[in-house]
Amino acid sequence: MKKLIQGIVEFRKNLTEEFRNLFANLALGQKPDTLFIACSDSRVVPNLFASTNPGDLFVLRNIGNLIPPASAPLQDNSASAVLEFAVLNLGVSDIIVCGHSECGAMQALVEGMACQGCSHVESWLKYGEESVNRVRNGFVIDPTLTEPNQISQVNVLQQIEHIQTYPFIQERIEKGDLRLHVWWFDIAHADVYCYEKEPNEFVLIDEIEAKRILKRMHRELQNSK
């Protein structure tokens, strides 16, 4: 808490006129173009590694960057509500699901819960269980990784599948109004990877990969017109 309080004082002290104007405009409303779904892990900071400003991202963070499928019980509808609001109200054009290395949720899926009485967490993690089964049945993207990290990568793909079970998501994908992206953050090296279906691997987002992604997005936009 001491660091947080001191940070707020420093923020006020160093806030530039440019950022004051930015916040003044944001007070009138938000218009992010991307929904960013990430883990609650304190080491994963999307605005830092993506160099984004306030107002750029609509962010959902939860344990394991999980999204219940459309058929899930209503008590698990918080993430579903975020999807609805981001797509139907804000009109985002892109959804990114970003997993990460050394994820405690994936570790718990492999080894079981380390804490006693965490029944809510245990119930929530069921939305990642299929990823464990897939990895142990041979679907591995990077065999050089530890099992929890292998599951973490497959889990991001599983959550994209869950997102696509929502009719309003499918409708906008088919119209070319919405794109889904799979990312993975390597904490130890501070590197972000993008999943490429061909050749089924996570590719480092460097200048070359960034150009490839943007070129593909432009092509998809042109084809949807």
Protein backbone atom coordinates (compact mmCIF):
# COMPACT_ATOMS: atom_id res chain seq x y z
CA MET A 1 0.00 0.00 0.00
CA LYS A 2 2.84 2.41 0.76
CA LYS A 3 4.12 2.07 -2.80
CA LEU A 4 0.62 2.65 -4.19
CA ILE A 5 0.06 5.80 -2.15
CA GLN A 6 3.45 7.21 -3.05
CA GLY A 7 2.79 6.33 -6.67
CA ILE A 8 -0.41 8.37 -6.71
CA VAL A 9 1.45 11.38 -5.34
CA GLU A 10 4.15 10.96 -8.02
CA PHE A 11 1.49 10.56 -10.72
CA ARG A 12 -0.15 13.87 -9.77
CA LYS A 13 3.22 15.59 -9.55
CA ASN A 14 4.44 14.39 -12.96
CA LEU A 15 1.19 14.47 -14.92
CA THR A 16 1.84 16.42 -18.10
CA GLU A 17 -0.59 18.85 -19.72
CA GLU A 18 -0.94 16.41 -22.62
CA PHE A 19 -2.18 13.66 -20.32
CA ARG A 20 -4.44 16.05 -18.43
CA ASN A 21 -6.12 16.86 -21.73
CA LEU A 22 -6.30 13.14 -22.57
CA PHE A 23 -8.14 12.39 -19.33
CA ALA A 24 -10.39 15.40 -19.81
CA ASN A 25 -11.48 13.98 -23.17
CA LEU A 26 -11.85 10.46 -21.76
CA ALA A 27 -14.21 11.82 -19.12
CA LEU A 28 -16.67 12.42 -21.96
CA GLY A 29 -16.68 8.73 -22.91
CA GLN A 30 -14.56 5.79 -24.03
CA LYS A 31 -14.07 4.29 -27.48
CA PRO A 32 -11.50 1.50 -27.22
CA ASP A 33 -11.09 -0.65 -30.33
CA THR A 34 -9.80 -3.73 -28.52
CA LEU A 35 -10.97 -6.00 -25.72
CA PHE A 36 -7.88 -7.40 -23.99
CA ILE A 37 -8.44 -10.53 -21.89
CA ALA A 38 -5.57 -11.37 -19.56
CA CYS A 39 -4.80 -13.14 -16.31
CA SER A 40 -5.08 -11.35 -12.95
CA ASP A 41 -1.44 -12.24 -12.25
CA SER A 42 0.32 -9.15 -10.91
CA ARG A 43 3.28 -9.74 -13.24
CA VAL A 44 1.14 -9.35 -16.37
CA VAL A 45 0.63 -5.66 -17.21
CA PRO A 46 -0.92 -5.24 -20.69
CA ASN A 47 -0.65 -1.45 -20.78
CA LEU A 48 3.06 -1.73 -20.04
CA PHE A 49 4.15 -4.37 -22.58
CA ALA A 50 1.75 -3.10 -25.26
CA SER A 51 2.67 0.57 -24.66
CA THR A 52 -0.98 1.67 -24.66
CA ASN A 53 -2.56 4.82 -23.26
CA PRO A 54 -5.67 5.16 -21.11
CA GLY A 55 -8.72 4.64 -23.30
CA ASP A 56 -6.99 2.31 -25.78
CA LEU A 57 -7.98 -1.03 -24.24
CA PHE A 58 -11.09 -2.41 -22.61
CA VAL A 59 -9.56 -4.95 -20.23
CA LEU A 60 -10.89 -8.11 -18.60
CA ARG A 61 -8.60 -9.82 -16.12
CA ASN A 62 -9.37 -12.95 -14.15
CA ILE A 63 -7.60 -16.01 -12.82
CA GLY A 64 -6.27 -17.98 -15.79
CA ASN A 65 -7.65 -15.59 -18.47
CA LEU A 66 -10.69 -17.87 -18.71
CA ILE A 67 -13.96 -17.32 -20.55
CA PRO A 68 -16.92 -19.59 -19.76
CA PRO A 69 -18.71 -20.82 -22.91
CA ALA A 70 -22.16 -19.46 -23.73
CA SER A 71 -23.73 -22.56 -22.17
CA ALA A 72 -22.14 -21.94 -18.75
CA PRO A 73 -24.31 -21.38 -15.63
CA LEU A 74 -25.50 -17.83 -15.03
CA GLN A 75 -23.44 -17.48 -11.85
CA ASP A 76 -20.34 -17.46 -14.06
CA ASN A 77 -21.58 -14.63 -16.27
CA SER A 78 -19.19 -11.83 -15.30
CA ALA A 79 -16.83 -12.56 -18.20
CA SER A 80 -19.83 -13.02 -20.51
CA ALA A 81 -21.09 -9.59 -19.48
CA VAL A 82 -17.74 -8.07 -20.43
CA LEU A 83 -17.92 -9.71 -23.86
CA GLU A 84 -21.43 -8.37 -24.41
CA PHE A 85 -20.58 -4.84 -23.32
CA ALA A 86 -17.32 -4.68 -25.29
CA VAL A 87 -18.83 -6.01 -28.52
CA LEU A 88 -22.44 -4.79 -28.41
CA ASN A 89 -22.00 -1.46 -26.63
CA LEU A 90 -18.44 -0.33 -27.31
CA GLY A 91 -18.22 -1.99 -30.73
CA VAL A 92 -14.66 -3.25 -30.39
CA SER A 93 -13.20 -4.65 -33.59
CA ASP A 94 -10.62 -6.94 -31.99
CA ILE A 95 -10.49 -9.34 -29.05
CA ILE A 96 -7.14 -10.52 -27.71
CA VAL A 97 -6.82 -13.40 -25.26
CA CYS A 98 -3.36 -13.30 -23.71
CA GLY A 99 -2.02 -16.13 -21.57
CA HIS A 100 1.36 -16.12 -19.89
CA SER A 101 4.20 -18.27 -18.62
CA GLU A 102 4.46 -19.49 -15.03
CA CYS A 103 0.69 -19.12 -14.58
CA GLY A 104 -0.50 -20.15 -11.13
CA ALA A 105 -3.89 -21.18 -12.52
CA MET A 106 -2.26 -23.62 -14.93
CA GLN A 107 -0.05 -24.90 -12.12
CA ALA A 108 -3.17 -25.54 -10.04
CA LEU A 109 -4.77 -27.43 -12.91
CA VAL A 110 -1.71 -29.70 -13.04
CA GLU A 111 -1.03 -30.16 -9.32
CA GLY A 112 -4.33 -29.24 -7.64
CA MET A 113 -5.10 -26.27 -5.43
CA ALA A 114 -2.34 -25.26 -3.02
CA CYS A 115 -4.65 -23.29 -0.72
CA GLN A 116 -7.32 -24.75 1.52
CA GLY A 117 -10.86 -23.45 1.26
CA CYS A 118 -10.45 -22.00 -2.25
CA SER A 119 -13.67 -23.57 -3.50
CA HIS A 120 -14.54 -20.62 -5.76
CA VAL A 121 -11.16 -20.75 -7.47
CA GLU A 122 -11.41 -24.52 -7.88
CA SER A 123 -14.85 -24.18 -9.46
CA TRP A 124 -13.66 -21.41 -11.78
CA LEU A 125 -10.69 -23.43 -13.05
CA LYS A 126 -13.00 -26.02 -14.61
CA TYR A 127 -13.07 -23.76 -17.68
CA GLY A 128 -9.42 -24.62 -18.27
CA GLU A 129 -9.53 -28.35 -17.58
CA GLU A 130 -9.94 -29.31 -21.23
CA SER A 131 -6.54 -27.76 -21.94
CA VAL A 132 -4.91 -30.22 -19.55
CA ASN A 133 -6.61 -33.11 -21.33
CA ARG A 134 -5.53 -31.84 -24.74
CA VAL A 135 -1.89 -31.51 -23.76
CA ARG A 136 -1.81 -34.93 -22.11
CA ASN A 137 -3.44 -36.41 -25.21
CA GLY A 138 -0.62 -35.09 -27.37
CA PHE A 139 -1.68 -31.63 -28.51
CA VAL A 140 1.42 -29.62 -27.62
CA ILE A 141 2.50 -26.43 -29.36
CA ASP A 142 5.99 -26.09 -27.88
CA PRO A 143 7.38 -29.35 -26.41
CA THR A 144 10.40 -27.53 -24.95
CA LEU A 145 8.21 -25.84 -22.34
CA THR A 146 7.24 -27.19 -18.93
CA GLU A 147 3.85 -28.90 -18.78
CA PRO A 148 2.11 -25.94 -17.07
CA ASN A 149 3.44 -23.60 -19.77
CA GLN A 150 2.37 -26.01 -22.50
CA ILE A 151 -1.11 -26.01 -20.95
CA SER A 152 -1.05 -22.22 -20.69
CA GLN A 153 -0.52 -21.93 -24.45
CA VAL A 154 -3.21 -24.47 -25.31
CA ASN A 155 -5.54 -22.81 -22.80
CA VAL A 156 -5.52 -19.55 -24.76
CA LEU A 157 -6.74 -21.44 -27.83
CA GLN A 158 -9.42 -23.12 -25.72
CA GLN A 159 -10.70 -19.76 -24.46
CA ILE A 160 -10.91 -18.47 -28.04
CA GLU A 161 -13.13 -21.49 -28.77
CA HIS A 162 -15.31 -20.56 -25.79
CA ILE A 163 -15.64 -16.99 -27.05
CA GLN A 164 -16.82 -18.25 -30.42
CA THR A 165 -19.76 -20.06 -28.81
CA TYR A 166 -21.53 -16.72 -28.32
CA PRO A 167 -23.93 -16.04 -31.23
CA PHE A 168 -23.26 -12.29 -31.26
CA ILE A 169 -19.55 -13.01 -31.54
CA GLN A 170 -19.99 -15.42 -34.43
CA GLU A 171 -22.30 -12.98 -36.21
CA ARG A 172 -19.72 -10.22 -36.16
CA ILE A 173 -16.87 -12.52 -37.15
CA GLU A 174 -18.85 -13.70 -40.18
CA LYS A 175 -19.56 -10.09 -41.15
CA GLY A 176 -15.87 -9.23 -40.88
CA ASP A 177 -16.55 -6.77 -38.04
CA LEU A 178 -14.61 -8.67 -35.37
CA ARG A 179 -11.23 -10.41 -35.23
CA LEU A 180 -9.89 -12.77 -32.54
CA HIS A 181 -6.22 -12.93 -31.58
CA VAL A 182 -4.21 -15.36 -29.44
CA TRP A 183 -1.21 -13.97 -27.55
CA TRP A 184 1.15 -15.37 -24.94
CA PHE A 185 3.47 -13.42 -22.62
CA ASP A 186 6.80 -14.90 -21.55
CA ILE A 187 7.42 -13.28 -18.18
CA ALA A 188 11.10 -14.22 -17.85
CA HIS A 189 12.05 -12.55 -21.14
CA ALA A 190 9.29 -9.90 -21.30
CA ASP A 191 8.41 -11.16 -24.79
CA VAL A 192 4.95 -11.32 -26.34
CA TYR A 193 4.06 -14.02 -28.85
CA CYS A 194 1.22 -14.31 -31.36
CA TYR A 195 -0.23 -17.69 -32.28
CA GLU A 196 0.03 -18.51 -35.98
CA LYS A 197 -2.23 -21.35 -37.09
CA GLU A 198 0.25 -22.17 -39.81
CA PRO A 199 2.69 -23.56 -38.72
CA ASN A 200 0.89 -24.06 -35.35
CA GLU A 201 3.29 -22.09 -33.16
CA PHE A 202 3.59 -18.95 -31.11
CA VAL A 203 5.73 -16.43 -32.99
CA LEU A 204 7.59 -13.60 -31.28
CA ILE A 205 5.96 -10.26 -32.06
CA ASP A 206 8.98 -8.43 -33.43
CA GLU A 207 8.99 -5.95 -36.32
CA ILE A 208 8.66 -8.71 -38.92
CA GLU A 209 5.76 -10.46 -37.19
CA ALA A 210 4.07 -7.12 -36.48
CA LYS A 211 4.10 -6.30 -40.21
CA ARG A 212 2.71 -9.76 -40.99
CA ILE A 213 -0.15 -9.31 -38.52
CA LEU A 214 -1.04 -5.84 -39.75
CA LYS A 215 -0.88 -6.95 -43.38
CA ARG A 216 -3.23 -9.85 -42.62
CA MET A 217 -5.64 -7.56 -40.78
CA HIS A 218 -5.66 -5.15 -43.73
CA ARG A 219 -6.34 -7.99 -46.13
CA GLU A 220 -9.21 -9.29 -44.01
CA LEU A 221 -10.67 -5.80 -43.81
CA GLN A 222 -10.55 -5.42 -47.58
CA ASN A 223 -12.16 -8.84 -48.10
CA SER A 224 -15.03 -7.96 -45.77
CA LYS A 225 -16.02 -4.91 -47.80
